[in-house]
Amino acid sequence: MGIDPGLSRCGYGVVRQKGRATEAAAAGVIRTDKDDPLPRRLHELQNELAELLGAYRPDAVAVEQVLFQVNVRTAMAVGQASGVAMAAAVGAGAQVFEYSPTQIKKAVTGWGGADKEQMGKMVQTLLGLRQPLKPVDAADAVAVALCHLAHRPAASRIWAAT
């Protein structure tokens, strides 16, 4: 499962690998009401993620790292959402991995400077989808999951050693 963390919009994507084929099992966005208090929004996000984790039972959850935001308030909210996602995943028994935006772009497109459109097209191509995934937060989350599949052998060895 891949997570593109956010407090207003948290993208999620579940992919399954069968042999050499990869398929999308689910993709979407968890939304919270910006008018609700922060603790309530985080709790709603946690509950929604717990439901998804219970339904799909991923062995690993990959989360896009929060590296830089121009707006400090936005960065804090994304960081809090990321923490909730990682805690929910561990609580569900999944291994948790973090990847930088550059790592994700390189794994999916082969170039760390890819834009949103290029990422969306590659996700579409890699999964054999007729249309690009919408909204973009869902496509980004699937890209995080695909990145983990590309890094899985090394990432699992590192995680097991910690």
N, C-alpha and C. Protein backbone atom coordinates (compact mmCIF):
# COMPACT_ATOMS: atom_id res chain seq x y z
N MET A 1 0.85 -1.18 0.00
CA MET A 1 0.00 0.00 0.00
C MET A 1 0.89 1.23 0.00
N GLY A 2 0.53 2.21 -0.81
CA GLY A 2 1.24 3.47 -0.85
C GLY A 2 0.37 4.56 -0.26
N ILE A 3 1.01 5.50 0.43
CA ILE A 3 0.30 6.62 1.05
C ILE A 3 0.96 7.92 0.60
N ASP A 4 0.15 8.83 0.08
CA ASP A 4 0.57 10.21 -0.21
C ASP A 4 -0.07 11.04 0.89
N PRO A 5 0.68 11.30 1.98
CA PRO A 5 0.04 11.88 3.16
C PRO A 5 -0.44 13.32 2.96
N GLY A 6 -1.54 13.60 3.61
CA GLY A 6 -2.10 14.94 3.63
C GLY A 6 -3.23 14.95 4.62
N LEU A 7 -3.51 16.10 5.18
CA LEU A 7 -4.58 16.19 6.15
C LEU A 7 -5.93 16.44 5.48
N SER A 8 -5.97 17.30 4.49
CA SER A 8 -7.21 17.55 3.76
C SER A 8 -7.50 16.44 2.76
N ARG A 9 -6.43 15.97 2.11
CA ARG A 9 -6.53 14.89 1.12
C ARG A 9 -5.35 13.95 1.31
N CYS A 10 -5.65 12.74 1.73
CA CYS A 10 -4.61 11.72 1.92
C CYS A 10 -4.84 10.64 0.87
N GLY A 11 -3.93 10.54 -0.08
CA GLY A 11 -4.07 9.54 -1.13
C GLY A 11 -3.61 8.17 -0.65
N TYR A 12 -4.30 7.14 -1.14
CA TYR A 12 -3.88 5.77 -0.85
C TYR A 12 -3.97 4.96 -2.13
N GLY A 13 -3.11 3.97 -2.23
CA GLY A 13 -3.12 3.08 -3.38
C GLY A 13 -2.64 1.70 -2.97
N VAL A 14 -3.38 0.71 -3.36
CA VAL A 14 -3.03 -0.68 -3.05
C VAL A 14 -2.72 -1.38 -4.36
N VAL A 15 -1.53 -1.95 -4.45
CA VAL A 15 -1.15 -2.71 -5.64
C VAL A 15 -0.79 -4.13 -5.23
N ARG A 16 -0.99 -5.03 -6.15
CA ARG A 16 -0.63 -6.43 -5.93
C ARG A 16 0.27 -6.87 -7.07
N GLN A 17 1.26 -7.64 -6.71
CA GLN A 17 2.16 -8.17 -7.71
C GLN A 17 1.92 -9.67 -7.81
N LYS A 18 1.64 -10.11 -9.02
CA LYS A 18 1.43 -11.53 -9.30
C LYS A 18 2.43 -11.93 -10.37
N GLY A 19 3.50 -12.58 -9.94
CA GLY A 19 4.57 -12.89 -10.87
C GLY A 19 5.21 -11.59 -11.32
N ARG A 20 5.21 -11.36 -12.62
CA ARG A 20 5.79 -10.13 -13.15
C ARG A 20 4.73 -9.06 -13.38
N ALA A 21 3.46 -9.42 -13.21
CA ALA A 21 2.37 -8.47 -13.44
C ALA A 21 2.02 -7.73 -12.15
N THR A 22 1.72 -6.46 -12.29
CA THR A 22 1.30 -5.65 -11.16
C THR A 22 -0.08 -5.10 -11.48
N GLU A 23 -0.98 -5.19 -10.50
CA GLU A 23 -2.33 -4.67 -10.71
C GLU A 23 -2.74 -3.76 -9.56
N ALA A 24 -3.61 -2.81 -9.89
CA ALA A 24 -4.14 -1.91 -8.87
C ALA A 24 -5.33 -2.60 -8.22
N ALA A 25 -5.30 -2.71 -6.89
CA ALA A 25 -6.42 -3.31 -6.16
C ALA A 25 -7.37 -2.22 -5.67
N ALA A 26 -6.83 -1.05 -5.34
CA ALA A 26 -7.65 0.06 -4.85
C ALA A 26 -6.84 1.34 -4.93
N ALA A 27 -7.54 2.43 -5.10
CA ALA A 27 -6.91 3.75 -5.08
C ALA A 27 -7.98 4.77 -4.77
N GLY A 28 -7.61 5.75 -3.98
CA GLY A 28 -8.58 6.78 -3.65
C GLY A 28 -7.97 7.83 -2.75
N VAL A 29 -8.85 8.65 -2.19
CA VAL A 29 -8.43 9.75 -1.34
C VAL A 29 -9.32 9.78 -0.10
N ILE A 30 -8.68 9.91 1.04
CA ILE A 30 -9.40 10.14 2.30
C ILE A 30 -9.42 11.65 2.51
N ARG A 31 -10.59 12.20 2.70
CA ARG A 31 -10.73 13.64 2.89
C ARG A 31 -11.21 13.93 4.31
N THR A 32 -10.68 15.01 4.87
CA THR A 32 -11.18 15.49 6.16
C THR A 32 -11.66 16.92 5.98
N ASP A 33 -12.61 17.30 6.80
CA ASP A 33 -13.21 18.63 6.73
C ASP A 33 -12.30 19.67 7.36
N LYS A 34 -11.90 20.66 6.58
CA LYS A 34 -10.97 21.68 7.07
C LYS A 34 -11.55 22.51 8.20
N ASP A 35 -12.86 22.48 8.37
CA ASP A 35 -13.49 23.24 9.45
C ASP A 35 -13.51 22.48 10.77
N ASP A 36 -13.20 21.17 10.73
CA ASP A 36 -13.15 20.39 11.97
C ASP A 36 -11.86 20.67 12.73
N PRO A 37 -11.87 20.49 14.04
CA PRO A 37 -10.63 20.67 14.82
C PRO A 37 -9.58 19.63 14.41
N LEU A 38 -8.32 20.01 14.52
CA LEU A 38 -7.21 19.14 14.13
C LEU A 38 -7.29 17.74 14.75
N PRO A 39 -7.50 17.62 16.06
CA PRO A 39 -7.54 16.26 16.63
C PRO A 39 -8.63 15.38 16.00
N ARG A 40 -9.78 15.97 15.71
CA ARG A 40 -10.86 15.20 15.07
C ARG A 40 -10.45 14.76 13.67
N ARG A 41 -9.80 15.64 12.93
CA ARG A 41 -9.37 15.30 11.58
C ARG A 41 -8.35 14.17 11.59
N LEU A 42 -7.40 14.24 12.51
CA LEU A 42 -6.40 13.17 12.62
C LEU A 42 -7.05 11.85 13.02
N HIS A 43 -8.03 11.91 13.90
CA HIS A 43 -8.74 10.70 14.32
C HIS A 43 -9.52 10.09 13.15
N GLU A 44 -10.18 10.93 12.36
CA GLU A 44 -10.91 10.45 11.18
C GLU A 44 -9.95 9.79 10.20
N LEU A 45 -8.81 10.43 9.99
CA LEU A 45 -7.80 9.87 9.09
C LEU A 45 -7.33 8.51 9.60
N GLN A 46 -7.05 8.43 10.88
CA GLN A 46 -6.61 7.18 11.49
C GLN A 46 -7.67 6.09 11.30
N ASN A 47 -8.93 6.41 11.55
CA ASN A 47 -9.99 5.41 11.41
C ASN A 47 -10.15 4.93 9.98
N GLU A 48 -10.10 5.87 9.03
CA GLU A 48 -10.22 5.49 7.61
C GLU A 48 -9.06 4.60 7.18
N LEU A 49 -7.86 4.97 7.60
CA LEU A 49 -6.70 4.16 7.26
C LEU A 49 -6.78 2.78 7.90
N ALA A 50 -7.23 2.72 9.14
CA ALA A 50 -7.37 1.42 9.81
C ALA A 50 -8.35 0.53 9.06
N GLU A 51 -9.44 1.11 8.57
CA GLU A 51 -10.40 0.32 7.79
C GLU A 51 -9.76 -0.22 6.51
N LEU A 52 -9.04 0.64 5.81
CA LEU A 52 -8.37 0.20 4.58
C LEU A 52 -7.33 -0.87 4.86
N LEU A 53 -6.54 -0.66 5.91
CA LEU A 53 -5.52 -1.65 6.27
C LEU A 53 -6.16 -2.98 6.66
N GLY A 54 -7.28 -2.93 7.34
CA GLY A 54 -7.99 -4.16 7.70
C GLY A 54 -8.57 -4.86 6.49
N ALA A 55 -9.06 -4.08 5.54
CA ALA A 55 -9.68 -4.67 4.35
C ALA A 55 -8.65 -5.28 3.40
N TYR A 56 -7.52 -4.61 3.20
CA TYR A 56 -6.53 -5.07 2.21
C TYR A 56 -5.36 -5.82 2.80
N ARG A 57 -5.12 -5.68 4.09
CA ARG A 57 -4.06 -6.37 4.80
C ARG A 57 -2.71 -6.37 4.06
N PRO A 58 -2.18 -5.19 3.76
CA PRO A 58 -0.89 -5.15 3.06
C PRO A 58 0.24 -5.62 3.98
N ASP A 59 1.23 -6.25 3.39
CA ASP A 59 2.40 -6.65 4.19
C ASP A 59 3.35 -5.48 4.38
N ALA A 60 3.23 -4.47 3.50
CA ALA A 60 4.08 -3.29 3.60
C ALA A 60 3.27 -2.05 3.26
N VAL A 61 3.62 -0.96 3.93
CA VAL A 61 3.03 0.34 3.62
C VAL A 61 4.18 1.31 3.35
N ALA A 62 4.14 1.92 2.19
CA ALA A 62 5.16 2.89 1.80
C ALA A 62 4.54 4.28 1.87
N VAL A 63 5.27 5.20 2.50
CA VAL A 63 4.78 6.55 2.72
C VAL A 63 5.75 7.54 2.08
N GLU A 64 5.19 8.51 1.36
CA GLU A 64 6.05 9.55 0.80
C GLU A 64 6.55 10.44 1.93
N GLN A 65 7.85 10.65 1.97
CA GLN A 65 8.46 11.47 3.01
C GLN A 65 8.07 12.94 2.84
N VAL A 66 7.91 13.59 3.96
CA VAL A 66 7.67 15.02 3.97
C VAL A 66 9.04 15.69 4.06
N LEU A 67 9.49 16.26 2.95
CA LEU A 67 10.82 16.85 2.94
C LEU A 67 10.82 18.36 3.00
N PHE A 68 9.91 18.99 2.28
CA PHE A 68 9.92 20.44 2.24
C PHE A 68 8.56 20.95 1.82
N GLN A 69 8.11 21.96 2.51
CA GLN A 69 6.89 22.67 2.15
C GLN A 69 7.18 24.15 2.32
N VAL A 70 6.68 24.96 1.42
CA VAL A 70 6.87 26.40 1.54
C VAL A 70 6.12 26.93 2.75
N ASN A 71 4.92 26.43 2.97
CA ASN A 71 4.07 26.86 4.07
C ASN A 71 4.33 25.97 5.28
N VAL A 72 4.82 26.53 6.36
CA VAL A 72 5.15 25.76 7.56
C VAL A 72 3.90 25.08 8.12
N ARG A 73 2.78 25.76 8.10
CA ARG A 73 1.53 25.18 8.61
C ARG A 73 1.13 23.93 7.82
N THR A 74 1.27 24.03 6.50
CA THR A 74 0.98 22.88 5.64
C THR A 74 1.94 21.73 5.93
N ALA A 75 3.21 22.05 6.10
CA ALA A 75 4.22 21.03 6.39
C ALA A 75 3.89 20.30 7.69
N MET A 76 3.46 21.05 8.70
CA MET A 76 3.10 20.43 9.98
C MET A 76 1.92 19.48 9.79
N ALA A 77 0.89 19.91 9.07
CA ALA A 77 -0.29 19.07 8.86
C ALA A 77 0.06 17.80 8.08
N VAL A 78 0.90 17.94 7.06
CA VAL A 78 1.31 16.78 6.27
C VAL A 78 2.15 15.84 7.14
N GLY A 79 3.02 16.40 7.96
CA GLY A 79 3.82 15.58 8.88
C GLY A 79 2.95 14.82 9.88
N GLN A 80 1.93 15.49 10.39
CA GLN A 80 1.03 14.82 11.33
C GLN A 80 0.26 13.70 10.64
N ALA A 81 -0.22 13.96 9.42
CA ALA A 81 -0.93 12.93 8.67
C ALA A 81 -0.01 11.75 8.37
N SER A 82 1.23 12.04 8.05
CA SER A 82 2.22 10.99 7.78
C SER A 82 2.43 10.13 9.03
N GLY A 83 2.54 10.78 10.18
CA GLY A 83 2.72 10.04 11.43
C GLY A 83 1.53 9.14 11.74
N VAL A 84 0.33 9.66 11.51
CA VAL A 84 -0.88 8.86 11.73
C VAL A 84 -0.87 7.64 10.80
N ALA A 85 -0.49 7.85 9.54
CA ALA A 85 -0.46 6.74 8.57
C ALA A 85 0.55 5.67 8.99
N MET A 86 1.73 6.11 9.40
CA MET A 86 2.76 5.14 9.81
C MET A 86 2.33 4.38 11.06
N ALA A 87 1.75 5.07 12.03
CA ALA A 87 1.30 4.41 13.25
C ALA A 87 0.17 3.42 12.96
N ALA A 88 -0.76 3.80 12.10
CA ALA A 88 -1.86 2.90 11.74
C ALA A 88 -1.32 1.64 11.05
N ALA A 89 -0.33 1.83 10.18
CA ALA A 89 0.24 0.70 9.45
C ALA A 89 0.94 -0.26 10.40
N VAL A 90 1.74 0.27 11.31
CA VAL A 90 2.42 -0.59 12.29
C VAL A 90 1.38 -1.31 13.16
N GLY A 91 0.34 -0.59 13.55
CA GLY A 91 -0.72 -1.20 14.35
C GLY A 91 -1.43 -2.33 13.64
N ALA A 92 -1.45 -2.27 12.30
CA ALA A 92 -2.07 -3.33 11.50
C ALA A 92 -1.09 -4.45 11.17
N GLY A 93 0.15 -4.34 11.67
CA GLY A 93 1.12 -5.40 11.45
C GLY A 93 1.92 -5.28 10.17
N ALA A 94 1.87 -4.14 9.51
CA ALA A 94 2.60 -3.96 8.26
C ALA A 94 3.99 -3.37 8.53
N GLN A 95 4.92 -3.69 7.66
CA GLN A 95 6.21 -3.02 7.68
C GLN A 95 6.01 -1.64 7.06
N VAL A 96 6.73 -0.64 7.54
CA VAL A 96 6.58 0.72 7.03
C VAL A 96 7.89 1.18 6.42
N PHE A 97 7.78 1.78 5.24
CA PHE A 97 8.94 2.30 4.51
C PHE A 97 8.63 3.71 4.06
N GLU A 98 9.65 4.56 4.04
CA GLU A 98 9.49 5.92 3.56
C GLU A 98 10.38 6.13 2.34
N TYR A 99 9.85 6.88 1.38
CA TYR A 99 10.59 7.20 0.16
C TYR A 99 10.47 8.68 -0.12
N SER A 100 11.55 9.27 -0.59
CA SER A 100 11.54 10.69 -0.94
C SER A 100 10.81 10.86 -2.27
N PRO A 101 10.32 12.07 -2.54
CA PRO A 101 9.70 12.31 -3.84
C PRO A 101 10.62 11.98 -5.01
N THR A 102 11.90 12.26 -4.87
CA THR A 102 12.85 11.96 -5.95
C THR A 102 12.99 10.46 -6.16
N GLN A 103 13.06 9.69 -5.07
CA GLN A 103 13.13 8.23 -5.19
C GLN A 103 11.89 7.69 -5.91
N ILE A 104 10.75 8.22 -5.57
CA ILE A 104 9.49 7.76 -6.18
C ILE A 104 9.48 8.06 -7.67
N LYS A 105 9.85 9.28 -8.02
CA LYS A 105 9.88 9.67 -9.43
C LYS A 105 10.86 8.82 -10.23
N LYS A 106 12.04 8.59 -9.66
CA LYS A 106 13.04 7.76 -10.35
C LYS A 106 12.55 6.33 -10.55
N ALA A 107 11.93 5.77 -9.52
CA ALA A 107 11.47 4.38 -9.60
C ALA A 107 10.34 4.22 -10.63
N VAL A 108 9.49 5.22 -10.74
CA VAL A 108 8.32 5.10 -11.62
C VAL A 108 8.61 5.56 -13.04
N THR A 109 9.36 6.66 -13.19
CA THR A 109 9.59 7.21 -14.54
C THR A 109 11.03 7.06 -15.02
N GLY A 110 11.95 6.78 -14.10
CA GLY A 110 13.36 6.71 -14.48
C GLY A 110 14.07 8.05 -14.37
N TRP A 111 13.32 9.10 -13.96
CA TRP A 111 13.90 10.44 -13.85
C TRP A 111 13.35 11.13 -12.62
N GLY A 112 14.24 11.60 -11.76
CA GLY A 112 13.85 12.22 -10.50
C GLY A 112 13.20 13.59 -10.62
N GLY A 113 13.19 14.15 -11.82
CA GLY A 113 12.57 15.46 -12.02
C GLY A 113 11.23 15.39 -12.74
N ALA A 114 10.63 14.22 -12.80
CA ALA A 114 9.36 14.05 -13.52
C ALA A 114 8.27 14.92 -12.90
N ASP A 115 7.36 15.42 -13.76
CA ASP A 115 6.25 16.21 -13.25
C ASP A 115 5.03 15.33 -13.01
N LYS A 116 3.96 15.94 -12.48
CA LYS A 116 2.75 15.19 -12.13
C LYS A 116 2.15 14.47 -13.33
N GLU A 117 2.15 15.13 -14.48
CA GLU A 117 1.57 14.51 -15.68
C GLU A 117 2.37 13.28 -16.11
N GLN A 118 3.70 13.39 -16.09
CA GLN A 118 4.55 12.25 -16.45
C GLN A 118 4.34 11.10 -15.47
N MET A 119 4.24 11.43 -14.19
CA MET A 119 4.01 10.39 -13.18
C MET A 119 2.68 9.70 -13.42
N GLY A 120 1.65 10.48 -13.67
CA GLY A 120 0.32 9.90 -13.91
C GLY A 120 0.31 8.99 -15.12
N LYS A 121 0.98 9.40 -16.18
CA LYS A 121 1.04 8.58 -17.40
C LYS A 121 1.79 7.27 -17.15
N MET A 122 2.88 7.33 -16.40
CA MET A 122 3.64 6.11 -16.13
C MET A 122 2.86 5.16 -15.21
N VAL A 123 2.16 5.70 -14.23
CA VAL A 123 1.32 4.85 -13.37
C VAL A 123 0.27 4.16 -14.25
N GLN A 124 -0.34 4.91 -15.13
CA GLN A 124 -1.33 4.36 -16.05
C GLN A 124 -0.73 3.25 -16.91
N THR A 125 0.46 3.52 -17.46
CA THR A 125 1.12 2.55 -18.33
C THR A 125 1.54 1.30 -17.56
N LEU A 126 2.18 1.49 -16.41
CA LEU A 126 2.67 0.34 -15.64
C LEU A 126 1.55 -0.58 -15.17
N LEU A 127 0.38 -0.01 -14.92
CA LEU A 127 -0.75 -0.82 -14.44
C LEU A 127 -1.71 -1.21 -15.56
N GLY A 128 -1.45 -0.75 -16.79
CA GLY A 128 -2.30 -1.10 -17.92
C GLY A 128 -3.70 -0.53 -17.80
N LEU A 129 -3.81 0.68 -17.27
CA LEU A 129 -5.12 1.31 -17.10
C LEU A 129 -5.53 2.05 -18.36
N ARG A 130 -6.82 2.08 -18.64
CA ARG A 130 -7.31 2.80 -19.82
C ARG A 130 -7.23 4.31 -19.65
N GLN A 131 -7.47 4.76 -18.42
CA GLN A 131 -7.47 6.19 -18.11
C GLN A 131 -6.48 6.46 -16.97
N PRO A 132 -5.95 7.67 -16.90
CA PRO A 132 -5.10 8.01 -15.74
C PRO A 132 -5.93 7.98 -14.46
N LEU A 133 -5.28 7.62 -13.38
CA LEU A 133 -5.97 7.62 -12.09
C LEU A 133 -6.29 9.05 -11.67
N LYS A 134 -7.46 9.25 -11.15
CA LYS A 134 -7.88 10.55 -10.63
C LYS A 134 -8.47 10.32 -9.25
N PRO A 135 -8.35 11.24 -8.34
CA PRO A 135 -7.57 12.47 -8.42
C PRO A 135 -6.08 12.18 -8.33
N VAL A 136 -5.28 13.22 -8.49
CA VAL A 136 -3.83 13.08 -8.54
C VAL A 136 -3.28 12.49 -7.24
N ASP A 137 -3.93 12.75 -6.10
CA ASP A 137 -3.43 12.21 -4.83
C ASP A 137 -3.47 10.68 -4.83
N ALA A 138 -4.49 10.11 -5.48
CA ALA A 138 -4.58 8.65 -5.59
C ALA A 138 -3.48 8.11 -6.49
N ALA A 139 -3.25 8.79 -7.62
CA ALA A 139 -2.17 8.37 -8.53
C ALA A 139 -0.82 8.48 -7.85
N ASP A 140 -0.62 9.54 -7.07
CA ASP A 140 0.64 9.70 -6.34
C ASP A 140 0.84 8.57 -5.34
N ALA A 141 -0.22 8.17 -4.66
CA ALA A 141 -0.12 7.09 -3.68
C ALA A 141 0.22 5.76 -4.36
N VAL A 142 -0.38 5.51 -5.51
CA VAL A 142 -0.06 4.30 -6.26
C VAL A 142 1.40 4.34 -6.70
N ALA A 143 1.89 5.52 -7.08
CA ALA A 143 3.31 5.66 -7.44
C ALA A 143 4.21 5.31 -6.26
N VAL A 144 3.81 5.71 -5.06
CA VAL A 144 4.59 5.36 -3.86
C VAL A 144 4.63 3.85 -3.69
N ALA A 145 3.50 3.19 -3.90
CA ALA A 145 3.45 1.72 -3.79
C ALA A 145 4.32 1.08 -4.86
N LEU A 146 4.28 1.59 -6.08
CA LEU A 146 5.11 1.05 -7.16
C LEU A 146 6.60 1.26 -6.86
N CYS A 147 6.92 2.39 -6.28
CA CYS A 147 8.30 2.65 -5.86
C CYS A 147 8.76 1.58 -4.87
N HIS A 148 7.89 1.26 -3.92
CA HIS A 148 8.28 0.25 -2.94
C HIS A 148 8.50 -1.11 -3.61
N LEU A 149 7.64 -1.46 -4.56
CA LEU A 149 7.85 -2.73 -5.25
C LEU A 149 9.21 -2.76 -5.93
N ALA A 150 9.64 -1.63 -6.49
CA ALA A 150 10.95 -1.57 -7.14
C ALA A 150 12.09 -1.68 -6.14
N HIS A 151 11.88 -1.17 -4.92
CA HIS A 151 12.92 -1.18 -3.90
C HIS A 151 12.76 -2.32 -2.89
N ARG A 152 11.72 -3.10 -3.00
CA ARG A 152 11.36 -4.08 -1.98
C ARG A 152 12.46 -5.02 -1.53
N PRO A 153 13.22 -5.63 -2.41
CA PRO A 153 14.24 -6.56 -1.91
C PRO A 153 15.22 -5.91 -0.95
N ALA A 154 15.77 -4.77 -1.32
CA ALA A 154 16.74 -4.09 -0.45
C ALA A 154 16.07 -3.52 0.77
N ALA A 155 14.88 -2.91 0.61
CA ALA A 155 14.19 -2.29 1.73
C ALA A 155 13.82 -3.32 2.81
N SER A 156 13.39 -4.49 2.38
CA SER A 156 13.02 -5.54 3.35
C SER A 156 14.23 -6.02 4.15
N ARG A 157 15.38 -6.11 3.50
CA ARG A 157 16.59 -6.53 4.22
C ARG A 157 16.99 -5.48 5.25
N ILE A 158 16.89 -4.20 4.88
CA ILE A 158 17.22 -3.12 5.80
C ILE A 158 16.25 -3.11 6.97
N TRP A 159 14.95 -3.24 6.69
CA TRP A 159 13.95 -3.22 7.74
C TRP A 159 14.16 -4.38 8.71
N ALA A 160 14.49 -5.54 8.19
CA ALA A 160 14.69 -6.73 9.04
C ALA A 160 15.91 -6.56 9.94
N ALA A 161 16.89 -5.77 9.50
CA ALA A 161 18.11 -5.58 10.28
C ALA A 161 17.94 -4.58 11.40
N THR A 162 16.84 -3.81 11.39
CA THR A 162 16.64 -2.77 12.42
C THR A 162 15.86 -3.27 13.60
